[in-house]
PDB file of N, CA and C in Angstrom:
ATOM      1  N   MET A   1      -8.616  10.078  10.284  1.00  0.00           N
ATOM      2  CA  MET A   1      -8.955   8.858   9.571  1.00  0.00           C
ATOM      3  C   MET A   1      -8.095   8.774   8.309  1.00  0.00           C
ATOM      4  N   LEU A   2      -7.374   7.661   8.187  1.00  0.00           N
ATOM      5  CA  LEU A   2      -6.576   7.417   6.986  1.00  0.00           C
ATOM      6  C   LEU A   2      -7.473   6.867   5.885  1.00  0.00           C
ATOM      7  N   LYS A   3      -7.269   7.350   4.685  1.00  0.00           N
ATOM      8  CA  LYS A   3      -7.991   6.831   3.530  1.00  0.00           C
ATOM      9  C   LYS A   3      -7.004   6.041   2.686  1.00  0.00           C
ATOM     10  N   ILE A   4      -7.275   4.753   2.557  1.00  0.00           N
ATOM     11  CA  ILE A   4      -6.373   3.862   1.836  1.00  0.00           C
ATOM     12  C   ILE A   4      -7.131   3.196   0.698  1.00  0.00           C
ATOM     13  N   VAL A   5      -6.514   3.219  -0.482  1.00  0.00           N
ATOM     14  CA  VAL A   5      -7.095   2.529  -1.631  1.00  0.00           C
ATOM     15  C   VAL A   5      -6.283   1.273  -1.910  1.00  0.00           C
ATOM     16  N   VAL A   6      -6.998   0.251  -2.328  1.00  0.00           N
ATOM     17  CA  VAL A   6      -6.381  -1.032  -2.662  1.00  0.00           C
ATOM     18  C   VAL A   6      -6.537  -1.238  -4.157  1.00  0.00           C
ATOM     19  N   GLY A   7      -5.390  -1.428  -4.813  1.00  0.00           N
ATOM     20  CA  GLY A   7      -5.368  -1.697  -6.244  1.00  0.00           C
ATOM     21  C   GLY A   7      -4.586  -2.969  -6.481  1.00  0.00           C
ATOM     22  N   GLY A   8      -3.899  -3.024  -7.605  1.00  0.00           N
ATOM     23  CA  GLY A   8      -3.128  -4.214  -7.932  1.00  0.00           C
ATOM     24  C   GLY A   8      -3.964  -5.259  -8.638  1.00  0.00           C
ATOM     25  N   GLN A   9      -3.324  -6.346  -8.986  1.00  0.00           N
ATOM     26  CA  GLN A   9      -3.984  -7.373  -9.783  1.00  0.00           C
ATOM     27  C   GLN A   9      -4.499  -8.566  -8.993  1.00  0.00           C
ATOM     28  N   LEU A  10      -4.030  -8.743  -7.765  1.00  0.00           N
ATOM     29  CA  LEU A  10      -4.396  -9.931  -6.999  1.00  0.00           C
ATOM     30  C   LEU A  10      -4.804  -9.601  -5.568  1.00  0.00           C
ATOM     31  N   SER A  11      -5.663 -10.428  -5.012  1.00  0.00           N
ATOM     32  CA  SER A  11      -5.996 -10.450  -3.578  1.00  0.00           C
ATOM     33  C   SER A  11      -6.500  -9.126  -3.028  1.00  0.00           C
ATOM     34  N   LYS A  12      -7.244  -8.380  -3.809  1.00  0.00           N
ATOM     35  CA  LYS A  12      -7.722  -7.075  -3.343  1.00  0.00           C
ATOM     36  C   LYS A  12      -8.598  -7.199  -2.100  1.00  0.00           C
ATOM     37  N   ASN A  13      -9.544  -8.129  -2.110  1.00  0.00           N
ATOM     38  CA  ASN A  13     -10.435  -8.278  -0.961  1.00  0.00           C
ATOM     39  C   ASN A  13      -9.671  -8.692   0.289  1.00  0.00           C
ATOM     40  N   GLU A  14      -8.752  -9.629   0.137  1.00  0.00           N
ATOM     41  CA  GLU A  14      -7.960 -10.091   1.273  1.00  0.00           C
ATOM     42  C   GLU A  14      -7.087  -8.969   1.821  1.00  0.00           C
ATOM     43  N   ASN A  15      -6.485  -8.190   0.936  1.00  0.00           N
ATOM     44  CA  ASN A  15      -5.648  -7.079   1.366  1.00  0.00           C
ATOM     45  C   ASN A  15      -6.471  -6.028   2.101  1.00  0.00           C
ATOM     46  N   ALA A  16      -7.650  -5.726   1.574  1.00  0.00           N
ATOM     47  CA  ALA A  16      -8.525  -4.742   2.230  1.00  0.00           C
ATOM     48  C   ALA A  16      -8.900  -5.202   3.634  1.00  0.00           C
ATOM     49  N   LYS A  17      -9.186  -6.482   3.797  1.00  0.00           N
ATOM     50  CA  LYS A  17      -9.529  -7.008   5.124  1.00  0.00           C
ATOM     51  C   LYS A  17      -8.358  -6.891   6.090  1.00  0.00           C
ATOM     52  N   LEU A  18      -7.154  -7.174   5.614  1.00  0.00           N
ATOM     53  CA  LEU A  18      -5.973  -7.036   6.473  1.00  0.00           C
ATOM     54  C   LEU A  18      -5.735  -5.573   6.856  1.00  0.00           C
ATOM     55  N   ILE A  19      -5.908  -4.680   5.924  1.00  0.00           N
ATOM     56  CA  ILE A  19      -5.735  -3.251   6.209  1.00  0.00           C
ATOM     57  C   ILE A  19      -6.734  -2.825   7.275  1.00  0.00           C
ATOM     58  N   GLU A  20      -7.978  -3.244   7.122  1.00  0.00           N
ATOM     59  CA  GLU A  20      -8.992  -2.904   8.128  1.00  0.00           C
ATOM     60  C   GLU A  20      -8.652  -3.530   9.478  1.00  0.00           C
ATOM     61  N   GLU A  21      -8.213  -4.772   9.463  1.00  0.00           N
ATOM     62  CA  GLU A  21      -7.862  -5.466  10.704  1.00  0.00           C
ATOM     63  C   GLU A  21      -6.753  -4.742  11.457  1.00  0.00           C
ATOM     64  N   PHE A  22      -5.730  -4.326  10.753  1.00  0.00           N
ATOM     65  CA  PHE A  22      -4.596  -3.656  11.386  1.00  0.00           C
ATOM     66  C   PHE A  22      -4.761  -2.133  11.435  1.00  0.00           C
ATOM     67  N   GLY A  23      -5.890  -1.642  10.949  1.00  0.00           N
ATOM     68  CA  GLY A  23      -6.146  -0.206  10.939  1.00  0.00           C
ATOM     69  C   GLY A  23      -6.719   0.347  12.222  1.00  0.00           C
ATOM     70  N   GLU A  24      -6.993  -0.509  13.172  1.00  0.00           N
ATOM     71  CA  GLU A  24      -7.446  -0.096  14.503  1.00  0.00           C
ATOM     72  C   GLU A  24      -8.640   0.851  14.463  1.00  0.00           C
ATOM     73  N   GLY A  25      -9.518   0.676  13.480  1.00  0.00           N
ATOM     74  CA  GLY A  25     -10.694   1.530  13.380  1.00  0.00           C
ATOM     75  C   GLY A  25     -10.394   2.941  12.909  1.00  0.00           C
ATOM     76  N   LYS A  26      -9.192   3.174  12.426  1.00  0.00           N
ATOM     77  CA  LYS A  26      -8.776   4.523  12.016  1.00  0.00           C
ATOM     78  C   LYS A  26      -8.550   4.621  10.513  1.00  0.00           C
ATOM     79  N   VAL A  27      -9.083   3.660   9.752  1.00  0.00           N
ATOM     80  CA  VAL A  27      -8.884   3.676   8.302  1.00  0.00           C
ATOM     81  C   VAL A  27     -10.202   3.498   7.565  1.00  0.00           C
ATOM     82  N   GLU A  28     -10.253   4.119   6.414  1.00  0.00           N
ATOM     83  CA  GLU A  28     -11.333   3.910   5.460  1.00  0.00           C
ATOM     84  C   GLU A  28     -10.677   3.271   4.251  1.00  0.00           C
ATOM     85  N   VAL A  29     -11.138   2.082   3.864  1.00  0.00           N
ATOM     86  CA  VAL A  29     -10.510   1.328   2.783  1.00  0.00           C
ATOM     87  C   VAL A  29     -11.477   1.215   1.609  1.00  0.00           C
ATOM     88  N   LYS A  30     -10.956   1.478   0.415  1.00  0.00           N
ATOM     89  CA  LYS A  30     -11.742   1.304  -0.813  1.00  0.00           C
ATOM     90  C   LYS A  30     -10.945   0.454  -1.778  1.00  0.00           C
ATOM     91  N   ILE A  31     -11.617  -0.480  -2.412  1.00  0.00           N
ATOM     92  CA  ILE A  31     -11.026  -1.289  -3.463  1.00  0.00           C
ATOM     93  C   ILE A  31     -11.397  -0.636  -4.793  1.00  0.00           C
ATOM     94  N   LEU A  32     -10.377  -0.323  -5.572  1.00  0.00           N
ATOM     95  CA  LEU A  32     -10.592   0.342  -6.857  1.00  0.00           C
ATOM     96  C   LEU A  32      -9.732  -0.301  -7.929  1.00  0.00           C
ATOM     97  N   GLY A  33     -10.034   0.017  -9.156  1.00  0.00           N
ATOM     98  CA  GLY A  33      -9.146  -0.364 -10.247  1.00  0.00           C
ATOM     99  C   GLY A  33      -7.846   0.410 -10.091  1.00  0.00           C
ATOM    100  N   ASP A  34      -6.794  -0.080 -10.704  1.00  0.00           N
ATOM    101  CA  ASP A  34      -5.475   0.535 -10.536  1.00  0.00           C
ATOM    102  C   ASP A  34      -5.444   2.017 -10.897  1.00  0.00           C
ATOM    103  N   LEU A  35      -5.999   2.369 -12.015  1.00  0.00           N
ATOM    104  CA  LEU A  35      -5.981   3.763 -12.453  1.00  0.00           C
ATOM    105  C   LEU A  35      -6.773   4.635 -11.492  1.00  0.00           C
ATOM    106  N   GLN A  36      -7.960   4.178 -11.106  1.00  0.00           N
ATOM    107  CA  GLN A  36      -8.792   4.949 -10.190  1.00  0.00           C
ATOM    108  C   GLN A  36      -8.118   5.093  -8.821  1.00  0.00           C
ATOM    109  N   ALA A  37      -7.464   4.035  -8.362  1.00  0.00           N
ATOM    110  CA  ALA A  37      -6.785   4.072  -7.066  1.00  0.00           C
ATOM    111  C   ALA A  37      -5.618   5.061  -7.095  1.00  0.00           C
ATOM    112  N   ALA A  38      -4.809   4.992  -8.132  1.00  0.00           N
ATOM    113  CA  ALA A  38      -3.673   5.913  -8.242  1.00  0.00           C
ATOM    114  C   ALA A  38      -4.152   7.357  -8.380  1.00  0.00           C
ATOM    115  N   MET A  39      -5.208   7.565  -9.138  1.00  0.00           N
ATOM    116  CA  MET A  39      -5.756   8.913  -9.290  1.00  0.00           C
ATOM    117  C   MET A  39      -6.312   9.436  -7.968  1.00  0.00           C
ATOM    118  N   ALA A  40      -6.907   8.562  -7.169  1.00  0.00           N
ATOM    119  CA  ALA A  40      -7.435   8.983  -5.864  1.00  0.00           C
ATOM    120  C   ALA A  40      -6.314   9.521  -4.977  1.00  0.00           C
ATOM    121  N   VAL A  41      -5.169   8.863  -5.001  1.00  0.00           N
ATOM    122  CA  VAL A  41      -4.029   9.352  -4.213  1.00  0.00           C
ATOM    123  C   VAL A  41      -3.494  10.647  -4.818  1.00  0.00           C
ATOM    124  N   LYS A  42      -3.370  10.673  -6.121  1.00  0.00           N
ATOM    125  CA  LYS A  42      -2.860  11.881  -6.793  1.00  0.00           C
ATOM    126  C   LYS A  42      -3.762  13.082  -6.498  1.00  0.00           C
ATOM    127  N   ASN A  43      -5.075  12.864  -6.511  1.00  0.00           N
ATOM    128  CA  ASN A  43      -6.035  13.948  -6.283  1.00  0.00           C
ATOM    129  C   ASN A  43      -6.312  14.203  -4.805  1.00  0.00           C
ATOM    130  N   LYS A  44      -5.618  13.460  -3.952  1.00  0.00           N
ATOM    131  CA  LYS A  44      -5.706  13.611  -2.503  1.00  0.00           C
ATOM    132  C   LYS A  44      -7.075  13.272  -1.919  1.00  0.00           C
ATOM    133  N   THR A  45      -7.817  12.385  -2.612  1.00  0.00           N
ATOM    134  CA  THR A  45      -9.037  11.854  -2.011  1.00  0.00           C
ATOM    135  C   THR A  45      -8.729  10.557  -1.272  1.00  0.00           C
ATOM    136  N   ALA A  46      -7.493  10.093  -1.404  1.00  0.00           N
ATOM    137  CA  ALA A  46      -6.977   8.958  -0.626  1.00  0.00           C
ATOM    138  C   ALA A  46      -5.554   9.316  -0.221  1.00  0.00           C
ATOM    139  N   ASP A  47      -5.124   8.745   0.894  1.00  0.00           N
ATOM    140  CA  ASP A  47      -3.798   9.049   1.416  1.00  0.00           C
ATOM    141  C   ASP A  47      -2.722   8.078   0.924  1.00  0.00           C
ATOM    142  N   TYR A  48      -3.085   6.790   0.821  1.00  0.00           N
ATOM    143  CA  TYR A  48      -2.103   5.756   0.486  1.00  0.00           C
ATOM    144  C   TYR A  48      -2.711   4.726  -0.443  1.00  0.00           C
ATOM    145  N   TYR A  49      -1.822   4.060  -1.180  1.00  0.00           N
ATOM    146  CA  TYR A  49      -2.183   3.010  -2.139  1.00  0.00           C
ATOM    147  C   TYR A  49      -1.431   1.742  -1.753  1.00  0.00           C
ATOM    148  N   LEU A  50      -2.140   0.624  -1.695  1.00  0.00           N
ATOM    149  CA  LEU A  50      -1.513  -0.682  -1.506  1.00  0.00           C
ATOM    150  C   LEU A  50      -2.023  -1.611  -2.588  1.00  0.00           C
ATOM    151  N   GLY A  51      -1.114  -2.374  -3.206  1.00  0.00           N
ATOM    152  CA  GLY A  51      -1.513  -3.294  -4.259  1.00  0.00           C
ATOM    153  C   GLY A  51      -0.619  -4.505  -4.310  1.00  0.00           C
ATOM    154  N   SER A  52      -1.175  -5.601  -4.790  1.00  0.00           N
ATOM    155  CA  SER A  52      -0.365  -6.812  -4.914  1.00  0.00           C
ATOM    156  C   SER A  52      -0.519  -7.439  -6.294  1.00  0.00           C
ATOM    157  N   CYS A  53       0.535  -8.134  -6.686  1.00  0.00           N
ATOM    158  CA  CYS A  53       0.568  -8.881  -7.934  1.00  0.00           C
ATOM    159  C   CYS A  53       1.622  -9.977  -7.806  1.00  0.00           C
ATOM    160  N   GLN A  54       1.796 -10.772  -8.831  1.00  0.00           N
ATOM    161  CA  GLN A  54       2.734 -11.898  -8.780  1.00  0.00           C
ATOM    162  C   GLN A  54       4.191 -11.480  -8.591  1.00  0.00           C
ATOM    163  N   THR A  55       4.550 -10.266  -8.989  1.00  0.00           N
ATOM    164  CA  THR A  55       5.938  -9.827  -8.837  1.00  0.00           C
ATOM    165  C   THR A  55       6.135  -8.820  -7.713  1.00  0.00           C
ATOM    166  N   GLY A  56       5.060  -8.197  -7.267  1.00  0.00           N
ATOM    167  CA  GLY A  56       5.158  -7.167  -6.248  1.00  0.00           C
ATOM    168  C   GLY A  56       5.496  -5.802  -6.815  1.00  0.00           C
ATOM    169  N   ALA A  57       5.595  -5.711  -8.125  1.00  0.00           N
ATOM    170  CA  ALA A  57       5.975  -4.439  -8.749  1.00  0.00           C
ATOM    171  C   ALA A  57       5.065  -4.098  -9.924  1.00  0.00           C
ATOM    172  N   GLY A  58       5.155  -4.832 -11.013  1.00  0.00           N
ATOM    173  CA  GLY A  58       4.445  -4.516 -12.252  1.00  0.00           C
ATOM    174  C   GLY A  58       2.961  -4.268 -12.100  1.00  0.00           C
ATOM    175  N   GLY A  59       2.195  -5.321 -11.934  1.00  0.00           N
ATOM    176  CA  GLY A  59       0.750  -5.190 -11.817  1.00  0.00           C
ATOM    177  C   GLY A  59       0.305  -4.533 -10.532  1.00  0.00           C
ATOM    178  N   ALA A  60       1.159  -4.530  -9.532  1.00  0.00           N
ATOM    179  CA  ALA A  60       0.824  -3.896  -8.261  1.00  0.00           C
ATOM    180  C   ALA A  60       1.016  -2.390  -8.312  1.00  0.00           C
ATOM    181  N   LEU A  61       2.039  -1.922  -9.014  1.00  0.00           N
ATOM    182  CA  LEU A  61       2.424  -0.514  -8.926  1.00  0.00           C
ATOM    183  C   LEU A  61       2.486   0.249 -10.250  1.00  0.00           C
ATOM    184  N   ALA A  62       2.224  -0.378 -11.357  1.00  0.00           N
ATOM    185  CA  ALA A  62       2.420   0.293 -12.655  1.00  0.00           C
ATOM    186  C   ALA A  62       1.669   1.620 -12.750  1.00  0.00           C
ATOM    187  N   MET A  63       0.396   1.624 -12.440  1.00  0.00           N
ATOM    188  CA  MET A  63      -0.386   2.860 -12.529  1.00  0.00           C
ATOM    189  C   MET A  63       0.022   3.854 -11.452  1.00  0.00           C
ATOM    190  N   ALA A  64       0.354   3.364 -10.271  1.00  0.00           N
ATOM    191  CA  ALA A  64       0.801   4.265  -9.201  1.00  0.00           C
ATOM    192  C   ALA A  64       2.095   4.964  -9.614  1.00  0.00           C
ATOM    193  N   ILE A  65       3.014   4.218 -10.194  1.00  0.00           N
ATOM    194  CA  ILE A  65       4.266   4.819 -10.655  1.00  0.00           C
ATOM    195  C   ILE A  65       3.980   5.854 -11.744  1.00  0.00           C
ATOM    196  N   ALA A  66       3.095   5.511 -12.675  1.00  0.00           N
ATOM    197  CA  ALA A  66       2.762   6.426 -13.769  1.00  0.00           C
ATOM    198  C   ALA A  66       2.093   7.705 -13.258  1.00  0.00           C
ATOM    199  N   MET A  67       1.218   7.580 -12.281  1.00  0.00           N
ATOM    200  CA  MET A  67       0.448   8.732 -11.795  1.00  0.00           C
ATOM    201  C   MET A  67       1.160   9.519 -10.688  1.00  0.00           C
ATOM    202  N   LEU A  68       1.872   8.818  -9.818  1.00  0.00           N
ATOM    203  CA  LEU A  68       2.459   9.460  -8.639  1.00  0.00           C
ATOM    204  C   LEU A  68       3.951   9.714  -8.769  1.00  0.00           C
ATOM    205  N   GLY A  69       4.599   8.961  -9.658  1.00  0.00           N
ATOM    206  CA  GLY A  69       6.045   9.059  -9.817  1.00  0.00           C
ATOM    207  C   GLY A  69       6.751   7.948  -9.058  1.00  0.00           C
ATOM    208  N   TYR A  70       7.852   7.517  -9.615  1.00  0.00           N
ATOM    209  CA  TYR A  70       8.608   6.405  -9.047  1.00  0.00           C
ATOM    210  C   TYR A  70       9.079   6.699  -7.623  1.00  0.00           C
ATOM    211  N   ASP A  71       9.374   7.957  -7.353  1.00  0.00           N
ATOM    212  CA  ASP A  71       9.893   8.334  -6.034  1.00  0.00           C
ATOM    213  C   ASP A  71       8.864   8.208  -4.922  1.00  0.00           C
ATOM    214  N   LYS A  72       7.595   8.043  -5.239  1.00  0.00           N
ATOM    215  CA  LYS A  72       6.535   7.891  -4.234  1.00  0.00           C
ATOM    216  C   LYS A  72       6.110   6.446  -4.040  1.00  0.00           C
ATOM    217  N   CYS A  73       6.724   5.535  -4.787  1.00  0.00           N
ATOM    218  CA  CYS A  73       6.307   4.129  -4.796  1.00  0.00           C
ATOM    219  C   CYS A  73       7.447   3.202  -4.383  1.00  0.00           C
ATOM    220  N   ILE A  74       7.075   2.055  -3.808  1.00  0.00           N
ATOM    221  CA  ILE A  74       8.086   1.074  -3.437  1.00  0.00           C
ATOM    222  C   ILE A  74       7.485  -0.329  -3.442  1.00  0.00           C
ATOM    223  N   SER A  75       8.280  -1.270  -3.916  1.00  0.00           N
ATOM    224  CA  SER A  75       7.932  -2.685  -3.804  1.00  0.00           C
ATOM    225  C   SER A  75       8.503  -3.163  -2.473  1.00  0.00           C
ATOM    226  N   VAL A  76       7.626  -3.503  -1.546  1.00  0.00           N
ATOM    227  CA  VAL A  76       8.088  -3.931  -0.221  1.00  0.00           C
ATOM    228  C   VAL A  76       8.264  -5.437  -0.138  1.00  0.00           C
ATOM    229  N   ALA A  77       7.719  -6.167  -1.100  1.00  0.00           N
ATOM    230  CA  ALA A  77       7.886  -7.618  -1.136  1.00  0.00           C
ATOM    231  C   ALA A  77       7.800  -8.097  -2.574  1.00  0.00           C
ATOM    232  N   MET A  78       8.922  -8.645  -3.052  1.00  0.00           N
ATOM    233  CA  MET A  78       8.993  -9.181  -4.395  1.00  0.00           C
ATOM    234  C   MET A  78       9.210 -10.690  -4.294  1.00  0.00           C
ATOM    235  N   VAL A  79       9.185 -11.364  -5.392  1.00  0.00           N
ATOM    236  CA  VAL A  79       9.468 -12.793  -5.394  1.00  0.00           C
ATOM    237  C   VAL A  79      10.885 -12.989  -4.867  1.00  0.00           C
ATOM    238  N   GLY A  80      11.008 -13.719  -3.785  1.00  0.00           N
ATOM    239  CA  GLY A  80      12.321 -14.026  -3.218  1.00  0.00           C
ATOM    240  C   GLY A  80      12.905 -12.982  -2.287  1.00  0.00           C
ATOM    241  N   LYS A  81      12.210 -11.838  -2.109  1.00  0.00           N
ATOM    242  CA  LYS A  81      12.743 -10.813  -1.206  1.00  0.00           C
ATOM    243  C   LYS A  81      11.620  -9.988  -0.586  1.00  0.00           C
ATOM    244  N   VAL A  82      11.638  -9.946   0.741  1.00  0.00           N
ATOM    245  CA  VAL A  82      10.717  -9.092   1.485  1.00  0.00           C
ATOM    246  C   VAL A  82      11.571  -8.109   2.275  1.00  0.00           C
ATOM    247  N   LEU A  83      11.281  -6.826   2.128  1.00  0.00           N
ATOM    248  CA  LEU A  83      12.037  -5.835   2.889  1.00  0.00           C
ATOM    249  C   LEU A  83      11.813  -6.057   4.382  1.00  0.00           C
ATOM    250  N   ASP A  84      12.840  -5.816   5.171  1.00  0.00           N
ATOM    251  CA  ASP A  84      12.649  -5.968   6.614  1.00  0.00           C
ATOM    252  C   ASP A  84      11.890  -4.757   7.146  1.00  0.00           C
ATOM    253  N   ASP A  85      11.414  -4.861   8.380  1.00  0.00           N
ATOM    254  CA  ASP A  85      10.583  -3.819   8.966  1.00  0.00           C
ATOM    255  C   ASP A  85      11.249  -2.449   8.898  1.00  0.00           C
ATOM    256  N   GLU A  86      12.521  -2.383   9.213  1.00  0.00           N
ATOM    257  CA  GLU A  86      13.236  -1.105   9.231  1.00  0.00           C
ATOM    258  C   GLU A  86      13.297  -0.470   7.841  1.00  0.00           C
ATOM    259  N   GLU A  87      13.445  -1.279   6.803  1.00  0.00           N
ATOM    260  CA  GLU A  87      13.470  -0.742   5.440  1.00  0.00           C
ATOM    261  C   GLU A  87      12.105  -0.168   5.065  1.00  0.00           C
ATOM    262  N   ILE A  88      11.033  -0.845   5.491  1.00  0.00           N
ATOM    263  CA  ILE A  88       9.676  -0.363   5.209  1.00  0.00           C
ATOM    264  C   ILE A  88       9.428   0.943   5.964  1.00  0.00           C
ATOM    265  N   ILE A  89       9.813   0.981   7.228  1.00  0.00           N
ATOM    266  CA  ILE A  89       9.635   2.183   8.047  1.00  0.00           C
ATOM    267  C   ILE A  89      10.425   3.352   7.447  1.00  0.00           C
ATOM    268  N   LYS A  90      11.626   3.085   7.005  1.00  0.00           N
ATOM    269  CA  LYS A  90      12.461   4.122   6.390  1.00  0.00           C
ATOM    270  C   LYS A  90      11.813   4.636   5.093  1.00  0.00           C
ATOM    271  N   ALA A  91      11.230   3.733   4.316  1.00  0.00           N
ATOM    272  CA  ALA A  91      10.567   4.135   3.069  1.00  0.00           C
ATOM    273  C   ALA A  91       9.385   5.060   3.359  1.00  0.00           C
ATOM    274  N   ILE A  92       8.608   4.728   4.374  1.00  0.00           N
ATOM    275  CA  ILE A  92       7.464   5.574   4.745  1.00  0.00           C
ATOM    276  C   ILE A  92       7.964   6.936   5.220  1.00  0.00           C
ATOM    277  N   ALA A  93       8.980   6.940   6.057  1.00  0.00           N
ATOM    278  CA  ALA A  93       9.557   8.206   6.537  1.00  0.00           C
ATOM    279  C   ALA A  93      10.106   9.026   5.377  1.00  0.00           C
ATOM    280  N   GLY A  94      10.548   8.350   4.325  1.00  0.00           N
ATOM    281  CA  GLY A  94      11.088   9.021   3.146  1.00  0.00           C
ATOM    282  C   GLY A  94      10.032   9.500   2.167  1.00  0.00           C
ATOM    283  N   GLY A  95       8.760   9.316   2.487  1.00  0.00           N
ATOM    284  CA  GLY A  95       7.689   9.855   1.653  1.00  0.00           C
ATOM    285  C   GLY A  95       7.006   8.891   0.709  1.00  0.00           C
ATOM    286  N   LYS A  96       7.271   7.603   0.828  1.00  0.00           N
ATOM    287  CA  LYS A  96       6.577   6.640  -0.040  1.00  0.00           C
ATOM    288  C   LYS A  96       5.107   6.577   0.357  1.00  0.00           C
ATOM    289  N   ILE A  97       4.230   6.583  -0.642  1.00  0.00           N
ATOM    290  CA  ILE A  97       2.791   6.547  -0.381  1.00  0.00           C
ATOM    291  C   ILE A  97       2.077   5.425  -1.138  1.00  0.00           C
ATOM    292  N   ALA A  98       2.815   4.696  -1.965  1.00  0.00           N
ATOM    293  CA  ALA A  98       2.250   3.569  -2.713  1.00  0.00           C
ATOM    294  C   ALA A  98       3.149   2.358  -2.503  1.00  0.00           C
ATOM    295  N   PHE A  99       2.531   1.242  -2.105  1.00  0.00           N
ATOM    296  CA  PHE A  99       3.268   0.048  -1.720  1.00  0.00           C
ATOM    297  C   PHE A  99       2.793  -1.153  -2.518  1.00  0.00           C
ATOM    298  N   GLY A 100       3.745  -1.849  -3.131  1.00  0.00           N
ATOM    299  CA  GLY A 100       3.438  -3.052  -3.887  1.00  0.00           C
ATOM    300  C   GLY A 100       4.067  -4.256  -3.221  1.00  0.00           C
ATOM    301  N   PHE A 101       3.405  -5.398  -3.352  1.00  0.00           N
ATOM    302  CA  PHE A 101       3.901  -6.620  -2.724  1.00  0.00           C
ATOM    303  C   PHE A 101       3.269  -7.845  -3.369  1.00  0.00           C
ATOM    304  N   VAL A 102       3.940  -8.990  -3.181  1.00  0.00           N
ATOM    305  CA  VAL A 102       3.370 -10.255  -3.636  1.00  0.00           C
ATOM    306  C   VAL A 102       2.317 -10.684  -2.609  1.00  0.00           C
ATOM    307  N   PRO A 103       1.259 -11.367  -3.055  1.00  0.00           N
ATOM    308  CA  PRO A 103       0.187 -11.742  -2.140  1.00  0.00           C
ATOM    309  C   PRO A 103       0.656 -12.572  -0.934  1.00  0.00           C
ATOM    310  N   GLU A 104       1.661 -13.418  -1.148  1.00  0.00           N
ATOM    311  CA  GLU A 104       2.140 -14.281  -0.060  1.00  0.00           C
ATOM    312  C   GLU A 104       2.721 -13.478   1.092  1.00  0.00           C
ATOM    313  N   ALA A 105       3.131 -12.244   0.833  1.00  0.00           N
ATOM    314  CA  ALA A 105       3.768 -11.426   1.865  1.00  0.00           C
ATOM    315  C   ALA A 105       2.798 -10.457   2.546  1.00  0.00           C
ATOM    316  N   ALA A 106       1.553 -10.455   2.136  1.00  0.00           N
ATOM    317  CA  ALA A 106       0.584  -9.494   2.691  1.00  0.00           C
ATOM    318  C   ALA A 106       0.524  -9.564   4.214  1.00  0.00           C
ATOM    319  N   HIS A 107       0.501 -10.764   4.769  1.00  0.00           N
ATOM    320  CA  HIS A 107       0.408 -10.918   6.221  1.00  0.00           C
ATOM    321  C   HIS A 107       1.673 -10.434   6.930  1.00  0.00           C
ATOM    322  N   THR A 108       2.754 -10.289   6.206  1.00  0.00           N
ATOM    323  CA  THR A 108       4.019  -9.804   6.777  1.00  0.00           C
ATOM    324  C   THR A 108       4.144  -8.293   6.650  1.00  0.00           C
ATOM    325  N   VAL A 109       3.837  -7.749   5.479  1.00  0.00           N
ATOM    326  CA  VAL A 109       4.102  -6.327   5.238  1.00  0.00           C
ATOM    327  C   VAL A 109       2.957  -5.396   5.641  1.00  0.00           C
ATOM    328  N   ILE A 110       1.719  -5.820   5.494  1.00  0.00           N
ATOM    329  CA  ILE A 110       0.598  -4.931   5.833  1.00  0.00           C
ATOM    330  C   ILE A 110       0.616  -4.521   7.308  1.00  0.00           C
ATOM    331  N   PRO A 111       0.855  -5.437   8.254  1.00  0.00           N
ATOM    332  CA  PRO A 111       0.912  -4.987   9.659  1.00  0.00           C
ATOM    333  C   PRO A 111       2.002  -3.937   9.910  1.00  0.00           C
ATOM    334  N   VAL A 112       3.145  -4.085   9.276  1.00  0.00           N
ATOM    335  CA  VAL A 112       4.240  -3.129   9.451  1.00  0.00           C
ATOM    336  C   VAL A 112       3.854  -1.777   8.863  1.00  0.00           C
ATOM    337  N   ILE A 113       3.319  -1.794   7.653  1.00  0.00           N
ATOM    338  CA  ILE A 113       2.903  -0.556   6.997  1.00  0.00           C
ATOM    339  C   ILE A 113       1.839   0.149   7.836  1.00  0.00           C
ATOM    340  N   MET A 114       0.837  -0.587   8.260  1.00  0.00           N
ATOM    341  CA  MET A 114      -0.260   0.025   9.010  1.00  0.00           C
ATOM    342  C   MET A 114       0.208   0.589  10.344  1.00  0.00           C
ATOM    343  N   LYS A 115       1.031  -0.143  11.049  1.00  0.00           N
ATOM    344  CA  LYS A 115       1.529   0.348  12.333  1.00  0.00           C
ATOM    345  C   LYS A 115       2.247   1.683  12.149  1.00  0.00           C
ATOM    346  N   GLU A 116       3.059   1.781  11.125  1.00  0.00           N
ATOM    347  CA  GLU A 116       3.814   3.011  10.881  1.00  0.00           C
ATOM    348  C   GLU A 116       2.894   4.144  10.427  1.00  0.00           C
ATOM    349  N   LEU A 117       1.959   3.858   9.528  1.00  0.00           N
ATOM    350  CA  LEU A 117       1.064   4.898   9.043  1.00  0.00           C
ATOM    351  C   LEU A 117       0.171   5.439  10.146  1.00  0.00           C
ATOM    352  N   LEU A 118      -0.206   4.591  11.077  1.00  0.00           N
ATOM    353  CA  LEU A 118      -1.111   5.005  12.151  1.00  0.00           C
ATOM    354  C   LEU A 118      -0.443   5.864  13.214  1.00  0.00           C
ATOM    355  N   LYS A 119       0.859   5.951  13.212  1.00  0.00           N
ATOM    356  CA  LYS A 119       1.575   6.731  14.232  1.00  0.00           C
ATOM    357  C   LYS A 119       1.175   8.208  14.220  1.00  0.00           C
ATOM    358  N   ASN A 120       0.807   8.721  13.071  1.00  0.00           N
ATOM    359  CA  ASN A 120       0.483  10.146  12.958  1.00  0.00           C
ATOM    360  C   ASN A 120      -1.003  10.431  12.808  1.00  0.00           C
ATOM    361  N   VAL A 121      -1.843   9.421  13.046  1.00  0.00           N
ATOM    362  CA  VAL A 121      -3.280   9.616  12.891  1.00  0.00           C
ATOM    363  C   VAL A 121      -3.852  10.138  14.205  1.00  0.00           C
ATOM    364  N   GLN A 122      -4.624  11.201  14.088  1.00  0.00           N
ATOM    365  CA  GLN A 122      -5.278  11.781  15.260  1.00  0.00           C
ATOM    366  C   GLN A 122      -6.456  10.903  15.663  1.00  0.00           C
ATOM    367  N   GLU A 123      -6.649  10.778  16.944  1.00  0.00           N
ATOM    368  CA  GLU A 123      -7.779   9.986  17.478  1.00  0.00           C
ATOM    369  C   GLU A 123      -9.096  10.622  17.109  1.00  0.00           C
TER     370      GLU A 123
END
């Protein structure tokens, strides 16, 4: 079972619903404040962090970057640019565990992220 925390400044409930929808019954999702969400990943009580804000970076990932380090975080969708599926998959393979995005891109990036994260989940 994957444990995913939802932080960021916008659309937390909507993002959590999408994560559950694409989680195929293999995820536990919690909505937390940014600091609590980042700390949950740092303390290994959660596996991944997803957050959204108007830029896909600042309000979505600020605490995750501060707590987990820049090398563990990535903006997968910013204003005017959404990473393609292969870039997202490569980021996950490279060890990214915190993902930021603009709310408008949630329906595009969450399915890709979830599909990739679920590849290693035991039934």
